PDB file of N, CA and C in Angstrom:
ATOM      1  N   MET A   1       2.871  -3.692 -22.541  1.00  0.00           N
ATOM      2  CA  MET A   1       4.136  -3.361 -23.168  1.00  0.00           C
ATOM      3  C   MET A   1       5.242  -3.937 -22.301  1.00  0.00           C
ATOM      4  N   THR A   2       6.112  -4.679 -22.875  1.00  0.00           N
ATOM      5  CA  THR A   2       7.225  -5.225 -22.119  1.00  0.00           C
ATOM      6  C   THR A   2       8.312  -4.181 -21.969  1.00  0.00           C
ATOM      7  N   THR A   3       9.222  -4.437 -21.063  1.00  0.00           N
ATOM      8  CA  THR A   3      10.318  -3.491 -20.843  1.00  0.00           C
ATOM      9  C   THR A   3      11.120  -3.290 -22.120  1.00  0.00           C
ATOM     10  N   ALA A   4      11.366  -4.364 -22.864  1.00  0.00           N
ATOM     11  CA  ALA A   4      12.147  -4.255 -24.090  1.00  0.00           C
ATOM     12  C   ALA A   4      11.446  -3.399 -25.135  1.00  0.00           C
ATOM     13  N   ALA A   5      10.107  -3.393 -25.109  1.00  0.00           N
ATOM     14  CA  ALA A   5       9.359  -2.619 -26.093  1.00  0.00           C
ATOM     15  C   ALA A   5       9.126  -1.181 -25.647  1.00  0.00           C
ATOM     16  N   ASN A   6       9.436  -0.866 -24.402  1.00  0.00           N
ATOM     17  CA  ASN A   6       9.230   0.471 -23.888  1.00  0.00           C
ATOM     18  C   ASN A   6      10.350   1.380 -24.376  1.00  0.00           C
ATOM     19  N   PRO A   7      10.035   2.372 -25.221  1.00  0.00           N
ATOM     20  CA  PRO A   7      11.082   3.230 -25.784  1.00  0.00           C
ATOM     21  C   PRO A   7      11.747   4.146 -24.766  1.00  0.00           C
ATOM     22  N   ARG A   8      11.167   4.296 -23.577  1.00  0.00           N
ATOM     23  CA  ARG A   8      11.737   5.192 -22.590  1.00  0.00           C
ATOM     24  C   ARG A   8      12.721   4.500 -21.663  1.00  0.00           C
ATOM     25  N   TYR A   9      12.780   3.171 -21.716  1.00  0.00           N
ATOM     26  CA  TYR A   9      13.632   2.494 -20.760  1.00  0.00           C
ATOM     27  C   TYR A   9      14.040   1.123 -21.275  1.00  0.00           C
ATOM     28  N   THR A  10      15.268   0.782 -21.066  1.00  0.00           N
ATOM     29  CA  THR A  10      15.709  -0.593 -21.295  1.00  0.00           C
ATOM     30  C   THR A  10      16.513  -1.007 -20.078  1.00  0.00           C
ATOM     31  N   ARG A  11      16.332  -2.226 -19.619  1.00  0.00           N
ATOM     32  CA  ARG A  11      17.038  -2.683 -18.423  1.00  0.00           C
ATOM     33  C   ARG A  11      18.543  -2.718 -18.660  1.00  0.00           C
ATOM     34  N   HIS A  12      18.974  -2.836 -19.915  1.00  0.00           N
ATOM     35  CA  HIS A  12      20.395  -2.894 -20.212  1.00  0.00           C
ATOM     36  C   HIS A  12      21.065  -1.534 -20.056  1.00  0.00           C
ATOM     37  N   SER A  13      20.391  -0.472 -20.479  1.00  0.00           N
ATOM     38  CA  SER A  13      21.006   0.852 -20.414  1.00  0.00           C
ATOM     39  C   SER A  13      20.736   1.549 -19.086  1.00  0.00           C
ATOM     40  N   MET A  14      19.628   1.199 -18.420  1.00  0.00           N
ATOM     41  CA  MET A  14      19.247   1.801 -17.143  1.00  0.00           C
ATOM     42  C   MET A  14      19.251   3.323 -17.215  1.00  0.00           C
ATOM     43  N   THR A  15      18.761   3.887 -18.309  1.00  0.00           N
ATOM     44  CA  THR A  15      18.716   5.340 -18.447  1.00  0.00           C
ATOM     45  C   THR A  15      17.292   5.820 -18.663  1.00  0.00           C
ATOM     46  N   ALA A  16      17.028   7.023 -18.240  1.00  0.00           N
ATOM     47  CA  ALA A  16      15.730   7.647 -18.469  1.00  0.00           C
ATOM     48  C   ALA A  16      15.766   8.370 -19.806  1.00  0.00           C
ATOM     49  N   ASP A  17      14.620   8.435 -20.466  1.00  0.00           N
ATOM     50  CA  ASP A  17      14.510   9.167 -21.718  1.00  0.00           C
ATOM     51  C   ASP A  17      14.489  10.654 -21.386  1.00  0.00           C
ATOM     52  N   ALA A  18      15.511  11.364 -21.786  1.00  0.00           N
ATOM     53  CA  ALA A  18      15.650  12.781 -21.441  1.00  0.00           C
ATOM     54  C   ALA A  18      14.598  13.648 -22.128  1.00  0.00           C
ATOM     55  N   GLU A  19      13.980  13.160 -23.208  1.00  0.00           N
ATOM     56  CA  GLU A  19      13.027  13.976 -23.944  1.00  0.00           C
ATOM     57  C   GLU A  19      11.595  13.814 -23.452  1.00  0.00           C
ATOM     58  N   TYR A  20      11.271  12.707 -22.802  1.00  0.00           N
ATOM     59  CA  TYR A  20       9.907  12.490 -22.341  1.00  0.00           C
ATOM     60  C   TYR A  20       9.730  13.124 -20.970  1.00  0.00           C
ATOM     61  N   VAL A  21       8.691  13.922 -20.828  1.00  0.00           N
ATOM     62  CA  VAL A  21       8.369  14.550 -19.553  1.00  0.00           C
ATOM     63  C   VAL A  21       6.896  14.290 -19.279  1.00  0.00           C
ATOM     64  N   GLY A  22       6.587  13.647 -18.178  1.00  0.00           N
ATOM     65  CA  GLY A  22       5.201  13.377 -17.826  1.00  0.00           C
ATOM     66  C   GLY A  22       5.097  12.823 -16.431  1.00  0.00           C
ATOM     67  N   GLN A  23       3.886  12.795 -15.921  1.00  0.00           N
ATOM     68  CA  GLN A  23       3.643  12.225 -14.610  1.00  0.00           C
ATOM     69  C   GLN A  23       3.682  10.707 -14.718  1.00  0.00           C
ATOM     70  N   PRO A  24       4.084  10.017 -13.662  1.00  0.00           N
ATOM     71  CA  PRO A  24       4.102   8.553 -13.706  1.00  0.00           C
ATOM     72  C   PRO A  24       2.720   7.986 -14.001  1.00  0.00           C
ATOM     73  N   ASN A  25       2.663   7.120 -14.996  1.00  0.00           N
ATOM     74  CA  ASN A  25       1.423   6.500 -15.408  1.00  0.00           C
ATOM     75  C   ASN A  25       1.771   5.243 -16.200  1.00  0.00           C
ATOM     76  N   CYS A  26       1.092   4.142 -15.939  1.00  0.00           N
ATOM     77  CA  CYS A  26       1.345   2.920 -16.695  1.00  0.00           C
ATOM     78  C   CYS A  26       0.610   3.005 -18.021  1.00  0.00           C
ATOM     79  N   GLU A  27       1.350   3.004 -19.105  1.00  0.00           N
ATOM     80  CA  GLU A  27       0.733   3.084 -20.427  1.00  0.00           C
ATOM     81  C   GLU A  27      -0.053   1.819 -20.748  1.00  0.00           C
ATOM     82  N   LYS A  28       0.407   0.683 -20.256  1.00  0.00           N
ATOM     83  CA  LYS A  28      -0.261  -0.588 -20.525  1.00  0.00           C
ATOM     84  C   LYS A  28      -1.602  -0.668 -19.796  1.00  0.00           C
ATOM     85  N   CYS A  29      -1.615  -0.309 -18.528  1.00  0.00           N
ATOM     86  CA  CYS A  29      -2.836  -0.374 -17.719  1.00  0.00           C
ATOM     87  C   CYS A  29      -3.693   0.887 -17.856  1.00  0.00           C
ATOM     88  N   GLY A  30      -3.078   1.983 -18.312  1.00  0.00           N
ATOM     89  CA  GLY A  30      -3.803   3.229 -18.502  1.00  0.00           C
ATOM     90  C   GLY A  30      -4.169   3.942 -17.204  1.00  0.00           C
ATOM     91  N   THR A  31      -3.391   3.719 -16.149  1.00  0.00           N
ATOM     92  CA  THR A  31      -3.688   4.333 -14.862  1.00  0.00           C
ATOM     93  C   THR A  31      -2.410   4.507 -14.047  1.00  0.00           C
ATOM     94  N   ASP A  32      -2.501   5.325 -13.009  1.00  0.00           N
ATOM     95  CA  ASP A  32      -1.392   5.451 -12.067  1.00  0.00           C
ATOM     96  C   ASP A  32      -1.738   4.762 -10.747  1.00  0.00           C
ATOM     97  N   GLU A  33      -2.853   4.045 -10.721  1.00  0.00           N
ATOM     98  CA  GLU A  33      -3.354   3.426  -9.498  1.00  0.00           C
ATOM     99  C   GLU A  33      -2.399   2.386  -8.909  1.00  0.00           C
ATOM    100  N   PHE A  34      -1.622   1.704  -9.745  1.00  0.00           N
ATOM    101  CA  PHE A  34      -0.775   0.606  -9.274  1.00  0.00           C
ATOM    102  C   PHE A  34       0.712   0.947  -9.297  1.00  0.00           C
ATOM    103  N   ILE A  35       1.028   2.236  -9.373  1.00  0.00           N
ATOM    104  CA  ILE A  35       2.414   2.680  -9.473  1.00  0.00           C
ATOM    105  C   ILE A  35       3.131   2.531  -8.130  1.00  0.00           C
ATOM    106  N   TYR A  36       4.308   1.909  -8.180  1.00  0.00           N
ATOM    107  CA  TYR A  36       5.195   1.827  -7.025  1.00  0.00           C
ATOM    108  C   TYR A  36       6.451   2.613  -7.384  1.00  0.00           C
ATOM    109  N   LEU A  37       6.701   3.702  -6.678  1.00  0.00           N
ATOM    110  CA  LEU A  37       7.854   4.542  -6.982  1.00  0.00           C
ATOM    111  C   LEU A  37       9.131   3.873  -6.505  1.00  0.00           C
ATOM    112  N   GLU A  38      10.059   3.687  -7.425  1.00  0.00           N
ATOM    113  CA  GLU A  38      11.374   3.132  -7.101  1.00  0.00           C
ATOM    114  C   GLU A  38      12.293   4.249  -6.624  1.00  0.00           C
ATOM    115  N   SER A  39      12.238   5.379  -7.329  1.00  0.00           N
ATOM    116  CA  SER A  39      13.060   6.527  -6.938  1.00  0.00           C
ATOM    117  C   SER A  39      12.454   7.814  -7.476  1.00  0.00           C
ATOM    118  N   PHE A  40      12.746   8.905  -6.781  1.00  0.00           N
ATOM    119  CA  PHE A  40      12.317  10.232  -7.207  1.00  0.00           C
ATOM    120  C   PHE A  40      13.430  11.212  -6.888  1.00  0.00           C
ATOM    121  N   VAL A  41      13.834  11.973  -7.884  1.00  0.00           N
ATOM    122  CA  VAL A  41      14.825  13.030  -7.709  1.00  0.00           C
ATOM    123  C   VAL A  41      14.119  14.336  -8.063  1.00  0.00           C
ATOM    124  N   PRO A  42      13.948  15.234  -7.107  1.00  0.00           N
ATOM    125  CA  PRO A  42      13.232  16.482  -7.388  1.00  0.00           C
ATOM    126  C   PRO A  42      13.995  17.381  -8.357  1.00  0.00           C
ATOM    127  N   ALA A  43      13.252  18.288  -8.966  1.00  0.00           N
ATOM    128  CA  ALA A  43      13.845  19.255  -9.893  1.00  0.00           C
ATOM    129  C   ALA A  43      14.858  20.126  -9.161  1.00  0.00           C
ATOM    130  N   LYS A  44      15.852  20.589  -9.897  1.00  0.00           N
ATOM    131  CA  LYS A  44      16.842  21.518  -9.342  1.00  0.00           C
ATOM    132  C   LYS A  44      16.563  22.904  -9.919  1.00  0.00           C
ATOM    133  N   HIS A  45      16.631  23.910  -9.075  1.00  0.00           N
ATOM    134  CA  HIS A  45      16.335  25.284  -9.486  1.00  0.00           C
ATOM    135  C   HIS A  45      17.562  26.173  -9.328  1.00  0.00           C
ATOM    136  N   ARG A  46      17.622  27.192 -10.151  1.00  0.00           N
ATOM    137  CA  ARG A  46      18.650  28.222 -10.016  1.00  0.00           C
ATOM    138  C   ARG A  46      18.228  29.175  -8.899  1.00  0.00           C
ATOM    139  N   GLN A  47      19.130  30.049  -8.492  1.00  0.00           N
ATOM    140  CA  GLN A  47      18.820  31.000  -7.422  1.00  0.00           C
ATOM    141  C   GLN A  47      17.689  31.943  -7.794  1.00  0.00           C
ATOM    142  N   ASP A  48      17.521  32.212  -9.103  1.00  0.00           N
ATOM    143  CA  ASP A  48      16.435  33.105  -9.521  1.00  0.00           C
ATOM    144  C   ASP A  48      15.091  32.375  -9.626  1.00  0.00           C
ATOM    145  N   GLY A  49      15.054  31.065  -9.312  1.00  0.00           N
ATOM    146  CA  GLY A  49      13.811  30.306  -9.310  1.00  0.00           C
ATOM    147  C   GLY A  49      13.515  29.543 -10.594  1.00  0.00           C
ATOM    148  N   THR A  50      14.290  29.771 -11.638  1.00  0.00           N
ATOM    149  CA  THR A  50      14.063  29.038 -12.880  1.00  0.00           C
ATOM    150  C   THR A  50      14.573  27.606 -12.745  1.00  0.00           C
ATOM    151  N   VAL A  51      14.018  26.725 -13.543  1.00  0.00           N
ATOM    152  CA  VAL A  51      14.375  25.311 -13.467  1.00  0.00           C
ATOM    153  C   VAL A  51      15.708  25.066 -14.166  1.00  0.00           C
ATOM    154  N   ARG A  52      16.649  24.492 -13.419  1.00  0.00           N
ATOM    155  CA  ARG A  52      17.948  24.126 -13.988  1.00  0.00           C
ATOM    156  C   ARG A  52      17.896  22.721 -14.557  1.00  0.00           C
ATOM    157  N   LYS A  53      17.230  21.797 -13.842  1.00  0.00           N
ATOM    158  CA  LYS A  53      17.114  20.419 -14.288  1.00  0.00           C
ATOM    159  C   LYS A  53      15.783  19.858 -13.806  1.00  0.00           C
ATOM    160  N   LEU A  54      15.051  19.192 -14.700  1.00  0.00           N
ATOM    161  CA  LEU A  54      13.772  18.595 -14.331  1.00  0.00           C
ATOM    162  C   LEU A  54      13.968  17.452 -13.347  1.00  0.00           C
ATOM    163  N   GLY A  55      12.929  17.155 -12.593  1.00  0.00           N
ATOM    164  CA  GLY A  55      12.952  16.016 -11.695  1.00  0.00           C
ATOM    165  C   GLY A  55      12.923  14.720 -12.494  1.00  0.00           C
ATOM    166  N   GLU A  56      13.290  13.629 -11.847  1.00  0.00           N
ATOM    167  CA  GLU A  56      13.298  12.326 -12.497  1.00  0.00           C
ATOM    168  C   GLU A  56      12.606  11.309 -11.603  1.00  0.00           C
ATOM    169  N   VAL A  57      11.944  10.363 -12.224  1.00  0.00           N
ATOM    170  CA  VAL A  57      11.223   9.336 -11.490  1.00  0.00           C
ATOM    171  C   VAL A  57      11.453   7.976 -12.149  1.00  0.00           C
ATOM    172  N   ALA A  58      11.507   6.956 -11.329  1.00  0.00           N
ATOM    173  CA  ALA A  58      11.582   5.574 -11.807  1.00  0.00           C
ATOM    174  C   ALA A  58      10.506   4.808 -11.043  1.00  0.00           C
ATOM    175  N   TYR A  59       9.743   3.982 -11.747  1.00  0.00           N
ATOM    176  CA  TYR A  59       8.624   3.306 -11.103  1.00  0.00           C
ATOM    177  C   TYR A  59       8.258   2.008 -11.801  1.00  0.00           C
ATOM    178  N   THR A  60       7.542   1.162 -11.054  1.00  0.00           N
ATOM    179  CA  THR A  60       7.050  -0.103 -11.569  1.00  0.00           C
ATOM    180  C   THR A  60       5.544  -0.138 -11.358  1.00  0.00           C
ATOM    181  N   CYS A  61       4.836  -0.677 -12.341  1.00  0.00           N
ATOM    182  CA  CYS A  61       3.407  -0.918 -12.189  1.00  0.00           C
ATOM    183  C   CYS A  61       3.266  -2.289 -11.529  1.00  0.00           C
ATOM    184  N   THR A  62       2.676  -2.334 -10.347  1.00  0.00           N
ATOM    185  CA  THR A  62       2.550  -3.604  -9.631  1.00  0.00           C
ATOM    186  C   THR A  62       1.481  -4.505 -10.230  1.00  0.00           C
ATOM    187  N   ARG A  63       0.685  -3.977 -11.122  1.00  0.00           N
ATOM    188  CA  ARG A  63      -0.350  -4.794 -11.771  1.00  0.00           C
ATOM    189  C   ARG A  63       0.230  -5.600 -12.928  1.00  0.00           C
ATOM    190  N   CYS A  64       0.979  -4.932 -13.814  1.00  0.00           N
ATOM    191  CA  CYS A  64       1.507  -5.624 -15.003  1.00  0.00           C
ATOM    192  C   CYS A  64       3.024  -5.803 -14.954  1.00  0.00           C
ATOM    193  N   GLU A  65       3.670  -5.210 -13.936  1.00  0.00           N
ATOM    194  CA  GLU A  65       5.106  -5.305 -13.709  1.00  0.00           C
ATOM    195  C   GLU A  65       5.964  -4.591 -14.750  1.00  0.00           C
ATOM    196  N   ASP A  66       5.392  -3.642 -15.485  1.00  0.00           N
ATOM    197  CA  ASP A  66       6.184  -2.812 -16.396  1.00  0.00           C
ATOM    198  C   ASP A  66       6.973  -1.798 -15.574  1.00  0.00           C
ATOM    199  N   PHE A  67       8.173  -1.472 -16.038  1.00  0.00           N
ATOM    200  CA  PHE A  67       9.030  -0.494 -15.393  1.00  0.00           C
ATOM    201  C   PHE A  67       9.210   0.679 -16.339  1.00  0.00           C
ATOM    202  N   SER A  68       9.300   1.877 -15.791  1.00  0.00           N
ATOM    203  CA  SER A  68       9.554   3.058 -16.600  1.00  0.00           C
ATOM    204  C   SER A  68      10.363   4.059 -15.785  1.00  0.00           C
ATOM    205  N   ALA A  69      11.100   4.899 -16.476  1.00  0.00           N
ATOM    206  CA  ALA A  69      11.879   5.959 -15.850  1.00  0.00           C
ATOM    207  C   ALA A  69      11.933   7.127 -16.821  1.00  0.00           C
ATOM    208  N   HIS A  70      11.682   8.318 -16.321  1.00  0.00           N
ATOM    209  CA  HIS A  70      11.697   9.499 -17.186  1.00  0.00           C
ATOM    210  C   HIS A  70      11.671  10.771 -16.345  1.00  0.00           C
ATOM    211  N   SER A  71      11.774  11.890 -17.025  1.00  0.00           N
ATOM    212  CA  SER A  71      11.680  13.201 -16.366  1.00  0.00           C
ATOM    213  C   SER A  71      10.225  13.500 -16.037  1.00  0.00           C
ATOM    214  N   VAL A  72      10.038  14.298 -14.995  1.00  0.00           N
ATOM    215  CA  VAL A  72       8.696  14.735 -14.602  1.00  0.00           C
ATOM    216  C   VAL A  72       8.663  16.258 -14.619  1.00  0.00           C
ATOM    217  N   PRO A  73       7.466  16.853 -14.758  1.00  0.00           N
ATOM    218  CA  PRO A  73       7.376  18.312 -14.717  1.00  0.00           C
ATOM    219  C   PRO A  73       7.978  18.852 -13.412  1.00  0.00           C
ATOM    220  N   ALA A  74       8.554  20.028 -13.466  1.00  0.00           N
ATOM    221  CA  ALA A  74       9.210  20.617 -12.293  1.00  0.00           C
ATOM    222  C   ALA A  74       8.252  20.770 -11.117  1.00  0.00           C
ATOM    223  N   SER A  75       6.976  20.937 -11.394  1.00  0.00           N
ATOM    224  CA  SER A  75       5.993  21.135 -10.324  1.00  0.00           C
ATOM    225  C   SER A  75       5.487  19.818  -9.739  1.00  0.00           C
ATOM    226  N   TRP A  76       5.838  18.660 -10.330  1.00  0.00           N
ATOM    227  CA  TRP A  76       5.327  17.374  -9.852  1.00  0.00           C
ATOM    228  C   TRP A  76       6.178  16.828  -8.716  1.00  0.00           C
ATOM    229  N   ALA A  77       5.512  16.248  -7.750  1.00  0.00           N
ATOM    230  CA  ALA A  77       6.166  15.523  -6.661  1.00  0.00           C
ATOM    231  C   ALA A  77       5.224  14.397  -6.258  1.00  0.00           C
ATOM    232  N   PRO A  78       5.751  13.314  -5.703  1.00  0.00           N
ATOM    233  CA  PRO A  78       4.873  12.235  -5.249  1.00  0.00           C
ATOM    234  C   PRO A  78       3.895  12.748  -4.196  1.00  0.00           C
ATOM    235  N   PRO A  79       2.700  12.161  -4.138  1.00  0.00           N
ATOM    236  CA  PRO A  79       1.730  12.574  -3.127  1.00  0.00           C
ATOM    237  C   PRO A  79       2.343  12.498  -1.728  1.00  0.00           C
ATOM    238  N   GLY A  80       2.177  13.561  -0.949  1.00  0.00           N
ATOM    239  CA  GLY A  80       2.695  13.604   0.408  1.00  0.00           C
ATOM    240  C   GLY A  80       4.160  13.999   0.496  1.00  0.00           C
ATOM    241  N   TRP A  81       4.805  14.220  -0.637  1.00  0.00           N
ATOM    242  CA  TRP A  81       6.221  14.560  -0.653  1.00  0.00           C
ATOM    243  C   TRP A  81       6.398  16.049  -0.359  1.00  0.00           C
ATOM    244  N   TYR A  82       7.377  16.360   0.439  1.00  0.00           N
ATOM    245  CA  TYR A  82       7.710  17.763   0.666  1.00  0.00           C
ATOM    246  C   TYR A  82       9.191  17.853   1.016  1.00  0.00           C
ATOM    247  N   LEU A  83       9.788  18.957   0.663  1.00  0.00           N
ATOM    248  CA  LEU A  83      11.166  19.221   1.034  1.00  0.00           C
ATOM    249  C   LEU A  83      11.120  20.156   2.236  1.00  0.00           C
ATOM    250  N   GLY A  84      11.546  19.699   3.364  1.00  0.00           N
ATOM    251  CA  GLY A  84      11.417  20.513   4.552  1.00  0.00           C
ATOM    252  C   GLY A  84      12.662  20.693   5.222  1.00  0.00           C
TER     253      GLY A  84
END
């Protein structure tokens, strides 16, 4: 899938699809094995612990060079990531 055909991202708008929520995965290759994270913004929580805003991720598949950006589940973080 080319960037232009990817409904979640266009290089012209540089916006994430606010409705799609999922873990980073290349739809073309069918795996997350070749994912290179461009950016990750963790979820924001209210003082009572509820989610105020989902996290966001932008990434490129180094195998096919597709780019994607979208929201991720509040519990998802890149492997080895921690807020300390």
